[in-house]
Amino acid sequence: MRRRIRVSLDEINIVDDGADGDTQASFKIWVLNGVLLKNRFDVPELEISDSPSPGRESEEYIELAAIGPPVDVVIGPEAVTQEKLHRNDSLAIFTRGIANVPLGEDHISGNFLPGPPVSSGDPSEAFSGTIFDGATFAIPFGAASEIVDRAPFSVRAMPLSDHEFTYDVSVTISIDYR
């Protein structure tokens, strides 16, 4: 049995831009399977607002496909052994955003706090710290129950200091077997 996981990065929802008026921000998004870094996306600095997007009731929504490189991550197909079917497998979406504040200190928000390196040179060393609730999508156990068809999943980036910059990253997750 070979499992394939597809993660489509959909949008960033600016809940609070942390500024009076509009500002600029850049974002980083990492996709991890278990402890392995699978891909990283850098969203260059762009104008953000917490005013409603056209056609939306409140808050701004930024479609990731419209501003950057391909935003799909495919993991596998990978052989799934009986041992792997019974372990606690997870998918994590980590994010960090930096909002510019004119004449002030940048506002940083995220859904994890980096920790000390697991081992020198390990590409996942930045993610060995504290993970906020809601950053991981638990993959169900066993092939019969693991099939997921375009399940929506959203993570919230909270302020890491004394400010209000808050946003969500929404993705769609699919898991199938070949």
C-alpha atoms as a PDB file:
ATOM      1  CA  MET A   1       0.000   0.000   0.000  1.00  0.00           C
ATOM      2  CA  ARG A   2       1.292   3.463  -0.886  1.00  0.00           C
ATOM      3  CA  ARG A   3      -0.083   6.582   0.786  1.00  0.00           C
ATOM      4  CA  ARG A   4      -0.107  10.023  -0.811  1.00  0.00           C
ATOM      5  CA  ILE A   5      -0.840  13.217   1.102  1.00  0.00           C
ATOM      6  CA  ARG A   6      -1.653  16.434  -0.758  1.00  0.00           C
ATOM      7  CA  VAL A   7      -1.739  19.773   1.039  1.00  0.00           C
ATOM      8  CA  SER A   8      -3.052  22.790  -0.880  1.00  0.00           C
ATOM      9  CA  LEU A   9      -2.292  26.150   0.707  1.00  0.00           C
ATOM     10  CA  ASP A  10      -5.425  28.188   0.141  1.00  0.00           C
ATOM     11  CA  GLU A  11      -5.401  31.575   1.840  1.00  0.00           C
ATOM     12  CA  ILE A  12      -4.239  33.842   4.615  1.00  0.00           C
ATOM     13  CA  ASN A  13      -6.996  35.525   6.602  1.00  0.00           C
ATOM     14  CA  ILE A  14      -5.875  38.756   8.278  1.00  0.00           C
ATOM     15  CA  VAL A  15      -7.850  38.849  11.533  1.00  0.00           C
ATOM     16  CA  ASP A  16      -6.024  41.904  12.948  1.00  0.00           C
ATOM     17  CA  ASP A  17      -3.213  43.669  11.084  1.00  0.00           C
ATOM     18  CA  GLY A  18      -1.907  45.076  14.367  1.00  0.00           C
ATOM     19  CA  ALA A  19      -1.733  48.644  13.022  1.00  0.00           C
ATOM     20  CA  ASP A  20      -3.783  51.790  12.808  1.00  0.00           C
ATOM     21  CA  GLY A  21      -4.683  51.745   9.129  1.00  0.00           C
ATOM     22  CA  ASP A  22      -3.113  49.336   6.670  1.00  0.00           C
ATOM     23  CA  THR A  23       0.444  48.014   6.794  1.00  0.00           C
ATOM     24  CA  GLN A  24       2.769  45.545   5.063  1.00  0.00           C
ATOM     25  CA  ALA A  25       3.653  42.008   6.131  1.00  0.00           C
ATOM     26  CA  SER A  26       5.584  38.987   4.946  1.00  0.00           C
ATOM     27  CA  PHE A  27       4.829  35.386   5.842  1.00  0.00           C
ATOM     28  CA  LYS A  28       6.584  32.028   6.021  1.00  0.00           C
ATOM     29  CA  ILE A  29       4.700  28.736   5.932  1.00  0.00           C
ATOM     30  CA  TRP A  30       6.261  25.317   6.584  1.00  0.00           C
ATOM     31  CA  VAL A  31       4.654  21.911   5.970  1.00  0.00           C
ATOM     32  CA  LEU A  32       5.933  19.027   8.116  1.00  0.00           C
ATOM     33  CA  ASN A  33       5.029  15.338   8.074  1.00  0.00           C
ATOM     34  CA  GLY A  34       5.810  14.018  11.545  1.00  0.00           C
ATOM     35  CA  VAL A  35       9.125  15.747  12.322  1.00  0.00           C
ATOM     36  CA  LEU A  36      10.268  15.952   8.693  1.00  0.00           C
ATOM     37  CA  LEU A  37      10.182  19.284   6.885  1.00  0.00           C
ATOM     38  CA  LYS A  38       8.473  18.686   3.516  1.00  0.00           C
ATOM     39  CA  ASN A  39       8.285  22.196   2.064  1.00  0.00           C
ATOM     40  CA  ARG A  40       8.562  25.889   2.894  1.00  0.00           C
ATOM     41  CA  PHE A  41       6.826  28.871   1.304  1.00  0.00           C
ATOM     42  CA  ASP A  42       7.914  32.474   1.586  1.00  0.00           C
ATOM     43  CA  VAL A  43       5.187  35.025   0.928  1.00  0.00           C
ATOM     44  CA  PRO A  44       6.922  38.292   0.057  1.00  0.00           C
ATOM     45  CA  GLU A  45       5.983  41.523   1.755  1.00  0.00           C
ATOM     46  CA  LEU A  46       2.570  42.758   0.658  1.00  0.00           C
ATOM     47  CA  GLU A  47      -0.062  45.231   1.744  1.00  0.00           C
ATOM     48  CA  ILE A  48      -2.391  43.870   4.425  1.00  0.00           C
ATOM     49  CA  SER A  49      -5.513  45.194   6.077  1.00  0.00           C
ATOM     50  CA  ASP A  50      -8.045  43.922   8.543  1.00  0.00           C
ATOM     51  CA  SER A  51     -10.789  45.644   6.538  1.00  0.00           C
ATOM     52  CA  PRO A  52     -13.181  43.353   4.661  1.00  0.00           C
ATOM     53  CA  SER A  53     -12.147  41.899   1.313  1.00  0.00           C
ATOM     54  CA  PRO A  54     -14.691  42.505  -1.481  1.00  0.00           C
ATOM     55  CA  GLY A  55     -17.572  40.076  -1.095  1.00  0.00           C
ATOM     56  CA  ARG A  56     -16.523  39.049   2.413  1.00  0.00           C
ATOM     57  CA  GLU A  57     -18.327  39.993   5.605  1.00  0.00           C
ATOM     58  CA  SER A  58     -15.272  40.910   7.633  1.00  0.00           C
ATOM     59  CA  GLU A  59     -11.469  40.709   7.521  1.00  0.00           C
ATOM     60  CA  GLU A  60      -9.112  40.429   4.578  1.00  0.00           C
ATOM     61  CA  TYR A  61      -8.463  37.186   2.697  1.00  0.00           C
ATOM     62  CA  ILE A  62      -5.338  36.717   0.571  1.00  0.00           C
ATOM     63  CA  GLU A  63      -5.396  33.854  -1.939  1.00  0.00           C
ATOM     64  CA  LEU A  64      -1.965  32.245  -1.852  1.00  0.00           C
ATOM     65  CA  ALA A  65      -2.158  30.849  -5.403  1.00  0.00           C
ATOM     66  CA  ALA A  66      -2.580  34.398  -6.739  1.00  0.00           C
ATOM     67  CA  ILE A  67       0.638  35.755  -5.207  1.00  0.00           C
ATOM     68  CA  GLY A  68       3.263  33.068  -5.233  1.00  0.00           C
ATOM     69  CA  PRO A  69       4.746  29.884  -6.588  1.00  0.00           C
ATOM     70  CA  PRO A  70       2.748  26.642  -6.680  1.00  0.00           C
ATOM     71  CA  VAL A  71       1.163  26.130  -3.302  1.00  0.00           C
ATOM     72  CA  ASP A  72       0.597  22.366  -3.308  1.00  0.00           C
ATOM     73  CA  VAL A  73       2.731  19.970  -1.302  1.00  0.00           C
ATOM     74  CA  VAL A  74       2.615  16.288  -2.246  1.00  0.00           C
ATOM     75  CA  ILE A  75       4.054  13.812   0.239  1.00  0.00           C
ATOM     76  CA  GLY A  76       4.545  10.352  -1.255  1.00  0.00           C
ATOM     77  CA  PRO A  77       3.296   8.108  -2.524  1.00  0.00           C
ATOM     78  CA  GLU A  78       5.143   6.369   0.271  1.00  0.00           C
ATOM     79  CA  ALA A  79       4.975   2.727   1.274  1.00  0.00           C
ATOM     80  CA  VAL A  80       2.920   2.337   4.409  1.00  0.00           C
ATOM     81  CA  THR A  81       3.876  -0.652   6.515  1.00  0.00           C
ATOM     82  CA  GLN A  82       1.757  -2.220   9.230  1.00  0.00           C
ATOM     83  CA  GLU A  83       3.995  -0.410  11.741  1.00  0.00           C
ATOM     84  CA  LYS A  84       3.292   2.961  10.114  1.00  0.00           C
ATOM     85  CA  LEU A  85      -0.443   2.261  10.082  1.00  0.00           C
ATOM     86  CA  HIS A  86      -0.441   2.044  13.880  1.00  0.00           C
ATOM     87  CA  ARG A  87       1.780   4.961  14.816  1.00  0.00           C
ATOM     88  CA  ASN A  88       0.596   8.460  15.611  1.00  0.00           C
ATOM     89  CA  ASP A  89       1.339  10.176  12.313  1.00  0.00           C
ATOM     90  CA  SER A  90       0.726  13.899  11.919  1.00  0.00           C
ATOM     91  CA  LEU A  91       0.890  16.730   9.485  1.00  0.00           C
ATOM     92  CA  ALA A  92       1.841  20.179  10.783  1.00  0.00           C
ATOM     93  CA  ILE A  93       1.384  23.610   9.258  1.00  0.00           C
ATOM     94  CA  PHE A  94       3.724  26.108  10.907  1.00  0.00           C
ATOM     95  CA  THR A  95       3.683  29.801  10.136  1.00  0.00           C
ATOM     96  CA  ARG A  96       5.424  33.020  11.077  1.00  0.00           C
ATOM     97  CA  GLY A  97       4.367  36.504   9.959  1.00  0.00           C
ATOM     98  CA  ILE A  98       6.159  39.830  10.324  1.00  0.00           C
ATOM     99  CA  ALA A  99       4.116  43.028  10.027  1.00  0.00           C
ATOM    100  CA  ASN A 100       5.981  46.280   9.477  1.00  0.00           C
ATOM    101  CA  VAL A 101       5.198  49.065  11.877  1.00  0.00           C
ATOM    102  CA  PRO A 102       6.332  52.512  10.715  1.00  0.00           C
ATOM    103  CA  LEU A 103       8.628  54.095  13.295  1.00  0.00           C
ATOM    104  CA  GLY A 104       8.231  51.123  15.611  1.00  0.00           C
ATOM    105  CA  GLU A 105       9.229  47.550  16.265  1.00  0.00           C
ATOM    106  CA  ASP A 106       7.930  44.957  13.764  1.00  0.00           C
ATOM    107  CA  HIS A 107       5.053  42.800  14.975  1.00  0.00           C
ATOM    108  CA  ILE A 108       5.746  39.051  14.838  1.00  0.00           C
ATOM    109  CA  SER A 109       3.066  36.379  15.059  1.00  0.00           C
ATOM    110  CA  GLY A 110       3.240  32.619  14.696  1.00  0.00           C
ATOM    111  CA  ASN A 111       1.973  29.255  15.866  1.00  0.00           C
ATOM    112  CA  PHE A 112       5.208  27.846  17.301  1.00  0.00           C
ATOM    113  CA  LEU A 113       8.204  29.009  19.308  1.00  0.00           C
ATOM    114  CA  PRO A 114      11.572  27.772  18.022  1.00  0.00           C
ATOM    115  CA  GLY A 115      13.601  25.650  20.412  1.00  0.00           C
ATOM    116  CA  PRO A 116      17.181  24.486  20.674  1.00  0.00           C
ATOM    117  CA  PRO A 117      18.468  22.326  17.795  1.00  0.00           C
ATOM    118  CA  VAL A 118      17.705  18.610  17.945  1.00  0.00           C
ATOM    119  CA  SER A 119      21.068  18.022  16.280  1.00  0.00           C
ATOM    120  CA  SER A 120      23.408  20.350  14.428  1.00  0.00           C
ATOM    121  CA  GLY A 121      22.458  20.863  10.797  1.00  0.00           C
ATOM    122  CA  ASP A 122      19.054  19.170  11.121  1.00  0.00           C
ATOM    123  CA  PRO A 123      16.689  21.121   8.807  1.00  0.00           C
ATOM    124  CA  SER A 124      13.835  20.623  11.255  1.00  0.00           C
ATOM    125  CA  GLU A 125      15.822  22.016  14.203  1.00  0.00           C
ATOM    126  CA  ALA A 126      13.847  25.283  14.195  1.00  0.00           C
ATOM    127  CA  PHE A 127      10.671  23.328  14.991  1.00  0.00           C
ATOM    128  CA  SER A 128      11.887  21.562  18.122  1.00  0.00           C
ATOM    129  CA  GLY A 129      10.378  24.135  20.480  1.00  0.00           C
ATOM    130  CA  THR A 130       6.821  24.826  21.618  1.00  0.00           C
ATOM    131  CA  ILE A 131       3.998  24.066  19.192  1.00  0.00           C
ATOM    132  CA  PHE A 132       0.761  25.970  19.787  1.00  0.00           C
ATOM    133  CA  ASP A 133      -2.545  24.081  19.920  1.00  0.00           C
ATOM    134  CA  GLY A 134      -4.124  23.572  16.519  1.00  0.00           C
ATOM    135  CA  ALA A 135      -0.894  23.483  14.481  1.00  0.00           C
ATOM    136  CA  THR A 136      -1.121  19.763  13.685  1.00  0.00           C
ATOM    137  CA  PHE A 137      -3.597  17.689  11.685  1.00  0.00           C
ATOM    138  CA  ALA A 138      -3.693  14.155  13.115  1.00  0.00           C
ATOM    139  CA  ILE A 139      -3.769  11.604  10.326  1.00  0.00           C
ATOM    140  CA  PRO A 140      -6.344   8.901  11.135  1.00  0.00           C
ATOM    141  CA  PHE A 141      -5.082   5.347  11.681  1.00  0.00           C
ATOM    142  CA  GLY A 142      -5.410   2.562   9.125  1.00  0.00           C
ATOM    143  CA  ALA A 143      -5.951   2.623   5.381  1.00  0.00           C
ATOM    144  CA  ALA A 144      -9.733   2.268   5.570  1.00  0.00           C
ATOM    145  CA  SER A 145     -10.133   5.368   7.739  1.00  0.00           C
ATOM    146  CA  GLU A 146      -7.187   7.409   6.432  1.00  0.00           C
ATOM    147  CA  ILE A 147      -8.760   8.460   3.163  1.00  0.00           C
ATOM    148  CA  VAL A 148      -9.416  12.186   3.417  1.00  0.00           C
ATOM    149  CA  ASP A 149     -10.991  14.152   0.577  1.00  0.00           C
ATOM    150  CA  ARG A 150     -10.211  17.894   0.563  1.00  0.00           C
ATOM    151  CA  ALA A 151     -10.641  18.393   4.320  1.00  0.00           C
ATOM    152  CA  PRO A 152     -10.343  22.062   5.297  1.00  0.00           C
ATOM    153  CA  PHE A 153      -7.765  22.825   7.990  1.00  0.00           C
ATOM    154  CA  SER A 154      -6.817  26.192   9.442  1.00  0.00           C
ATOM    155  CA  VAL A 155      -4.062  27.306  11.812  1.00  0.00           C
ATOM    156  CA  ARG A 156      -4.010  30.552  13.788  1.00  0.00           C
ATOM    157  CA  ALA A 157      -0.877  32.684  14.188  1.00  0.00           C
ATOM    158  CA  MET A 158      -0.978  34.574  17.464  1.00  0.00           C
ATOM    159  CA  PRO A 159       1.111  37.548  18.581  1.00  0.00           C
ATOM    160  CA  LEU A 160       4.449  36.558  20.089  1.00  0.00           C
ATOM    161  CA  SER A 161       4.755  39.813  22.034  1.00  0.00           C
ATOM    162  CA  ASP A 162       2.682  42.792  23.129  1.00  0.00           C
ATOM    163  CA  HIS A 163       0.725  43.537  19.928  1.00  0.00           C
ATOM    164  CA  GLU A 164      -2.421  42.421  18.085  1.00  0.00           C
ATOM    165  CA  PHE A 165      -1.182  41.083  14.691  1.00  0.00           C
ATOM    166  CA  THR A 166      -3.249  37.892  14.201  1.00  0.00           C
ATOM    167  CA  TYR A 167      -3.925  35.818  11.094  1.00  0.00           C
ATOM    168  CA  ASP A 168      -5.030  32.359   9.969  1.00  0.00           C
ATOM    169  CA  VAL A 169      -3.561  30.143   7.250  1.00  0.00           C
ATOM    170  CA  SER A 170      -6.147  27.858   5.609  1.00  0.00           C
ATOM    171  CA  VAL A 171      -5.212  24.696   3.734  1.00  0.00           C
ATOM    172  CA  THR A 172      -6.999  21.738   2.185  1.00  0.00           C
ATOM    173  CA  ILE A 173      -5.746  18.212   2.938  1.00  0.00           C
ATOM    174  CA  SER A 174      -6.334  15.045   0.913  1.00  0.00           C
ATOM    175  CA  ILE A 175      -4.997  11.558   1.700  1.00  0.00           C
ATOM    176  CA  ASP A 176      -5.386   8.575  -0.624  1.00  0.00           C
ATOM    177  CA  TYR A 177      -3.899   5.170  -1.374  1.00  0.00           C
ATOM    178  CA  ARG A 178      -2.530   3.830  -4.638  1.00  0.00           C
END
